[in-house]
Amino acid sequence: MTVDAPYERIPLYVRAGSIIPMGPDMEWTDEKPLEEITLMVYPGADSDFTIYEDDGLTYGYERGEYAVTRIHWDDAAGKADIGPREGSYPGMPENRTYKVVVVGK
């Protein structure tokens, strides 16, 4: 396949069912709290994704100081199920907002 790829608009091919988490632009891991995560969902297949997070600064993850959130995309229903956050770590945001964006053609 040959496509145009100008610098200002580089093509991106994503597998059907992909879930890509996006956060604010940051220059280092603890610059801003991750209070909102945007989930870019590319429909076309069911899929599962796990968000892993820790403090980003220490080796606390080696002692079990981390959290995971499981996400399931049900393509037929057009619905994302976001499970509860499991685990914890020092400095973990108490609440989190998820914004689900279903990407069209």
N, C-alpha and C. Protein backbone atom coordinates (compact mmCIF):
# COMPACT_ATOMS: atom_id res chain seq x y z
N MET A 1 0.85 -1.17 0.00
CA MET A 1 0.00 0.00 0.00
C MET A 1 0.90 1.23 0.00
N THR A 2 0.58 2.16 -0.85
CA THR A 2 1.32 3.41 -0.91
C THR A 2 0.38 4.54 -0.48
N VAL A 3 0.80 5.32 0.50
CA VAL A 3 -0.03 6.43 0.99
C VAL A 3 0.83 7.68 1.14
N ASP A 4 0.17 8.82 1.08
CA ASP A 4 0.87 10.07 1.34
C ASP A 4 1.23 10.14 2.81
N ALA A 5 2.40 10.66 3.11
CA ALA A 5 2.84 10.79 4.50
C ALA A 5 3.57 12.11 4.70
N PRO A 6 2.85 13.24 4.56
CA PRO A 6 3.51 14.52 4.80
C PRO A 6 3.86 14.65 6.29
N TYR A 7 4.86 15.47 6.60
CA TYR A 7 5.31 15.64 7.99
C TYR A 7 4.18 16.06 8.92
N GLU A 8 3.27 16.88 8.44
CA GLU A 8 2.21 17.39 9.31
C GLU A 8 1.06 16.39 9.51
N ARG A 9 1.08 15.25 8.77
CA ARG A 9 0.00 14.28 8.90
C ARG A 9 0.52 12.88 8.56
N ILE A 10 1.19 12.26 9.48
CA ILE A 10 1.77 10.94 9.25
C ILE A 10 0.68 9.90 9.49
N PRO A 11 0.50 8.94 8.56
CA PRO A 11 -0.55 7.93 8.75
C PRO A 11 -0.21 6.98 9.89
N LEU A 12 -1.26 6.53 10.54
CA LEU A 12 -1.11 5.58 11.65
C LEU A 12 -2.09 4.45 11.42
N TYR A 13 -1.60 3.25 11.37
CA TYR A 13 -2.45 2.08 11.18
C TYR A 13 -2.59 1.38 12.53
N VAL A 14 -3.83 1.12 12.90
CA VAL A 14 -4.12 0.54 14.21
C VAL A 14 -5.00 -0.69 14.01
N ARG A 15 -4.67 -1.76 14.69
CA ARG A 15 -5.44 -3.00 14.60
C ARG A 15 -6.84 -2.80 15.18
N ALA A 16 -7.84 -3.40 14.53
CA ALA A 16 -9.22 -3.33 15.01
C ALA A 16 -9.30 -3.85 16.44
N GLY A 17 -10.00 -3.13 17.30
CA GLY A 17 -10.15 -3.51 18.69
C GLY A 17 -9.10 -2.92 19.61
N SER A 18 -8.13 -2.20 19.05
CA SER A 18 -7.08 -1.62 19.89
C SER A 18 -7.64 -0.59 20.85
N ILE A 19 -7.08 -0.57 22.05
CA ILE A 19 -7.41 0.43 23.07
C ILE A 19 -6.09 1.12 23.40
N ILE A 20 -6.04 2.43 23.15
CA ILE A 20 -4.81 3.18 23.40
C ILE A 20 -5.09 4.26 24.43
N PRO A 21 -4.49 4.15 25.63
CA PRO A 21 -4.71 5.18 26.65
C PRO A 21 -3.86 6.41 26.37
N MET A 22 -4.45 7.56 26.56
CA MET A 22 -3.76 8.83 26.34
C MET A 22 -3.93 9.70 27.59
N GLY A 23 -2.90 10.43 27.92
CA GLY A 23 -2.96 11.35 29.05
C GLY A 23 -2.44 12.71 28.60
N PRO A 24 -2.27 13.62 29.55
CA PRO A 24 -1.77 14.94 29.19
C PRO A 24 -0.30 14.87 28.76
N ASP A 25 0.12 15.83 27.95
CA ASP A 25 1.53 15.91 27.57
C ASP A 25 2.35 16.21 28.83
N MET A 26 3.42 15.45 29.03
CA MET A 26 4.29 15.65 30.19
C MET A 26 5.73 15.44 29.77
N GLU A 27 6.63 16.12 30.46
CA GLU A 27 8.05 15.95 30.21
C GLU A 27 8.69 14.96 31.18
N TRP A 28 8.05 14.69 32.32
CA TRP A 28 8.54 13.68 33.25
C TRP A 28 7.34 13.05 33.93
N THR A 29 7.55 11.88 34.56
CA THR A 29 6.44 11.05 35.01
C THR A 29 5.52 11.67 36.04
N ASP A 30 6.02 12.49 36.94
CA ASP A 30 5.15 13.05 37.98
C ASP A 30 4.93 14.55 37.80
N GLU A 31 5.05 15.03 36.58
CA GLU A 31 4.84 16.46 36.31
C GLU A 31 3.41 16.88 36.64
N LYS A 32 2.43 16.05 36.28
CA LYS A 32 1.02 16.35 36.52
C LYS A 32 0.34 15.07 36.99
N PRO A 33 -0.68 15.19 37.84
CA PRO A 33 -1.42 13.98 38.22
C PRO A 33 -2.26 13.49 37.04
N LEU A 34 -2.35 12.19 36.91
CA LEU A 34 -3.17 11.61 35.84
C LEU A 34 -4.61 11.45 36.34
N GLU A 35 -5.32 12.55 36.39
CA GLU A 35 -6.69 12.52 36.88
C GLU A 35 -7.68 12.11 35.80
N GLU A 36 -7.30 12.29 34.52
CA GLU A 36 -8.16 11.87 33.42
C GLU A 36 -7.34 11.14 32.39
N ILE A 37 -7.85 9.99 31.96
CA ILE A 37 -7.22 9.22 30.89
C ILE A 37 -8.24 9.09 29.77
N THR A 38 -7.81 9.39 28.56
CA THR A 38 -8.65 9.22 27.39
C THR A 38 -8.31 7.87 26.77
N LEU A 39 -9.33 7.04 26.57
CA LEU A 39 -9.15 5.75 25.94
C LEU A 39 -9.57 5.85 24.49
N MET A 40 -8.62 5.78 23.59
CA MET A 40 -8.90 5.80 22.16
C MET A 40 -9.19 4.35 21.76
N VAL A 41 -10.44 4.08 21.36
CA VAL A 41 -10.86 2.73 21.00
C VAL A 41 -11.07 2.67 19.49
N TYR A 42 -10.44 1.70 18.87
CA TYR A 42 -10.56 1.50 17.43
C TYR A 42 -11.45 0.27 17.22
N PRO A 43 -12.73 0.47 16.86
CA PRO A 43 -13.68 -0.63 16.79
C PRO A 43 -13.36 -1.62 15.69
N GLY A 44 -14.06 -2.76 15.73
CA GLY A 44 -13.90 -3.78 14.71
C GLY A 44 -13.64 -5.15 15.29
N ALA A 45 -13.36 -5.23 16.59
CA ALA A 45 -13.12 -6.51 17.26
C ALA A 45 -13.20 -6.29 18.77
N ASP A 46 -13.54 -7.36 19.49
CA ASP A 46 -13.48 -7.32 20.95
C ASP A 46 -12.02 -7.26 21.37
N SER A 47 -11.75 -6.66 22.52
CA SER A 47 -10.38 -6.63 23.00
C SER A 47 -10.32 -6.38 24.49
N ASP A 48 -9.16 -6.62 25.04
CA ASP A 48 -8.88 -6.39 26.46
C ASP A 48 -7.57 -5.63 26.58
N PHE A 49 -7.50 -4.79 27.60
CA PHE A 49 -6.30 -4.00 27.84
C PHE A 49 -6.16 -3.81 29.33
N THR A 50 -4.95 -3.82 29.83
CA THR A 50 -4.69 -3.57 31.25
C THR A 50 -3.80 -2.36 31.39
N ILE A 51 -4.27 -1.38 32.17
CA ILE A 51 -3.45 -0.21 32.50
C ILE A 51 -2.67 -0.53 33.76
N TYR A 52 -1.35 -0.42 33.69
CA TYR A 52 -0.47 -0.62 34.83
C TYR A 52 0.04 0.75 35.26
N GLU A 53 0.07 0.99 36.56
CA GLU A 53 0.62 2.25 37.03
C GLU A 53 1.34 2.06 38.36
N ASP A 54 2.39 2.84 38.54
CA ASP A 54 3.10 2.89 39.81
C ASP A 54 3.56 4.33 40.01
N ASP A 55 4.37 4.59 41.04
CA ASP A 55 4.76 5.98 41.30
C ASP A 55 5.73 6.54 40.27
N GLY A 56 6.35 5.68 39.47
CA GLY A 56 7.24 6.14 38.42
C GLY A 56 8.58 6.66 38.91
N LEU A 57 8.83 6.57 40.21
CA LEU A 57 10.06 7.14 40.77
C LEU A 57 10.91 6.15 41.55
N THR A 58 10.28 5.19 42.19
CA THR A 58 11.00 4.31 43.10
C THR A 58 10.90 2.86 42.64
N TYR A 59 11.47 1.98 43.43
CA TYR A 59 11.38 0.54 43.18
C TYR A 59 10.24 -0.08 43.99
N GLY A 60 9.28 0.74 44.40
CA GLY A 60 8.14 0.25 45.18
C GLY A 60 7.37 -0.85 44.48
N TYR A 61 7.37 -0.84 43.15
CA TYR A 61 6.66 -1.89 42.41
C TYR A 61 7.20 -3.27 42.75
N GLU A 62 8.49 -3.34 43.14
CA GLU A 62 9.07 -4.63 43.52
C GLU A 62 8.47 -5.15 44.82
N ARG A 63 7.89 -4.25 45.61
CA ARG A 63 7.23 -4.62 46.86
C ARG A 63 5.71 -4.70 46.68
N GLY A 64 5.25 -4.68 45.44
CA GLY A 64 3.82 -4.79 45.18
C GLY A 64 3.09 -3.46 45.20
N GLU A 65 3.82 -2.35 45.19
CA GLU A 65 3.20 -1.03 45.20
C GLU A 65 2.91 -0.58 43.77
N TYR A 66 1.81 -1.07 43.24
CA TYR A 66 1.36 -0.70 41.91
C TYR A 66 -0.13 -1.00 41.80
N ALA A 67 -0.73 -0.52 40.75
CA ALA A 67 -2.16 -0.76 40.54
C ALA A 67 -2.39 -1.12 39.08
N VAL A 68 -3.43 -1.91 38.84
CA VAL A 68 -3.83 -2.26 37.47
C VAL A 68 -5.33 -2.02 37.32
N THR A 69 -5.72 -1.63 36.12
CA THR A 69 -7.13 -1.45 35.77
C THR A 69 -7.36 -2.21 34.48
N ARG A 70 -8.31 -3.12 34.51
CA ARG A 70 -8.62 -3.93 33.33
C ARG A 70 -9.77 -3.31 32.55
N ILE A 71 -9.61 -3.28 31.23
CA ILE A 71 -10.61 -2.68 30.35
C ILE A 71 -10.99 -3.72 29.30
N HIS A 72 -12.28 -3.84 29.03
CA HIS A 72 -12.75 -4.75 27.98
C HIS A 72 -13.61 -3.96 27.00
N TRP A 73 -13.33 -4.10 25.71
CA TRP A 73 -14.13 -3.49 24.66
C TRP A 73 -15.00 -4.57 24.05
N ASP A 74 -16.34 -4.39 24.15
CA ASP A 74 -17.31 -5.29 23.54
C ASP A 74 -17.75 -4.62 22.24
N ASP A 75 -17.23 -5.12 21.12
CA ASP A 75 -17.47 -4.45 19.86
C ASP A 75 -18.94 -4.50 19.43
N ALA A 76 -19.61 -5.63 19.62
CA ALA A 76 -21.01 -5.74 19.21
C ALA A 76 -21.89 -4.75 19.96
N ALA A 77 -21.60 -4.54 21.24
CA ALA A 77 -22.38 -3.61 22.06
C ALA A 77 -21.88 -2.17 21.93
N GLY A 78 -20.66 -2.01 21.38
CA GLY A 78 -20.07 -0.68 21.29
C GLY A 78 -19.84 -0.08 22.67
N LYS A 79 -19.34 -0.93 23.58
CA LYS A 79 -19.24 -0.53 24.99
C LYS A 79 -17.89 -0.93 25.59
N ALA A 80 -17.33 -0.01 26.37
CA ALA A 80 -16.10 -0.29 27.11
C ALA A 80 -16.46 -0.52 28.57
N ASP A 81 -16.04 -1.66 29.11
CA ASP A 81 -16.22 -1.95 30.54
C ASP A 81 -14.89 -1.70 31.22
N ILE A 82 -14.89 -0.77 32.17
CA ILE A 82 -13.67 -0.42 32.91
C ILE A 82 -13.80 -0.99 34.31
N GLY A 83 -12.94 -1.94 34.62
CA GLY A 83 -12.99 -2.60 35.92
C GLY A 83 -12.45 -1.71 37.03
N PRO A 84 -12.61 -2.16 38.27
CA PRO A 84 -12.07 -1.38 39.40
C PRO A 84 -10.54 -1.43 39.40
N ARG A 85 -9.95 -0.39 39.91
CA ARG A 85 -8.49 -0.36 40.04
C ARG A 85 -8.12 -1.32 41.16
N GLU A 86 -7.17 -2.19 40.88
CA GLU A 86 -6.73 -3.18 41.87
C GLU A 86 -5.31 -2.85 42.30
N GLY A 87 -5.09 -2.80 43.61
CA GLY A 87 -3.77 -2.47 44.14
C GLY A 87 -3.67 -0.99 44.48
N SER A 88 -2.50 -0.61 44.97
CA SER A 88 -2.27 0.79 45.31
C SER A 88 -0.78 1.06 45.41
N TYR A 89 -0.46 2.33 45.46
CA TYR A 89 0.93 2.77 45.62
C TYR A 89 0.90 4.17 46.24
N PRO A 90 1.97 4.57 46.94
CA PRO A 90 2.00 5.90 47.55
C PRO A 90 1.84 6.99 46.49
N GLY A 91 0.98 7.95 46.77
CA GLY A 91 0.77 9.06 45.86
C GLY A 91 -0.23 8.77 44.76
N MET A 92 -0.89 7.61 44.81
CA MET A 92 -1.86 7.25 43.78
C MET A 92 -3.04 8.21 43.81
N PRO A 93 -3.48 8.72 42.64
CA PRO A 93 -4.66 9.59 42.63
C PRO A 93 -5.86 8.84 43.20
N GLU A 94 -6.62 9.51 44.05
CA GLU A 94 -7.76 8.87 44.68
C GLU A 94 -8.87 8.56 43.68
N ASN A 95 -9.10 9.49 42.77
CA ASN A 95 -10.15 9.31 41.77
C ASN A 95 -9.57 9.47 40.37
N ARG A 96 -10.23 8.88 39.43
CA ARG A 96 -9.77 8.97 38.05
C ARG A 96 -11.00 9.02 37.16
N THR A 97 -10.91 9.82 36.11
CA THR A 97 -11.96 9.93 35.11
C THR A 97 -11.46 9.31 33.82
N TYR A 98 -12.30 8.50 33.19
CA TYR A 98 -11.97 7.93 31.90
C TYR A 98 -12.91 8.51 30.86
N LYS A 99 -12.34 8.94 29.76
CA LYS A 99 -13.11 9.45 28.63
C LYS A 99 -12.88 8.45 27.50
N VAL A 100 -13.95 7.83 27.00
CA VAL A 100 -13.83 6.84 25.94
C VAL A 100 -14.16 7.51 24.61
N VAL A 101 -13.21 7.43 23.67
CA VAL A 101 -13.41 7.99 22.33
C VAL A 101 -13.34 6.84 21.34
N VAL A 102 -14.45 6.60 20.66
CA VAL A 102 -14.47 5.56 19.62
C VAL A 102 -14.07 6.23 18.32
N VAL A 103 -12.97 5.78 17.75
CA VAL A 103 -12.39 6.40 16.58
C VAL A 103 -13.06 5.85 15.32
N GLY A 104 -13.55 6.75 14.47
CA GLY A 104 -14.18 6.33 13.22
C GLY A 104 -13.19 6.40 12.07
N LYS A 105 -13.68 6.06 10.90
CA LYS A 105 -12.82 6.08 9.71
C LYS A 105 -12.48 7.49 9.31
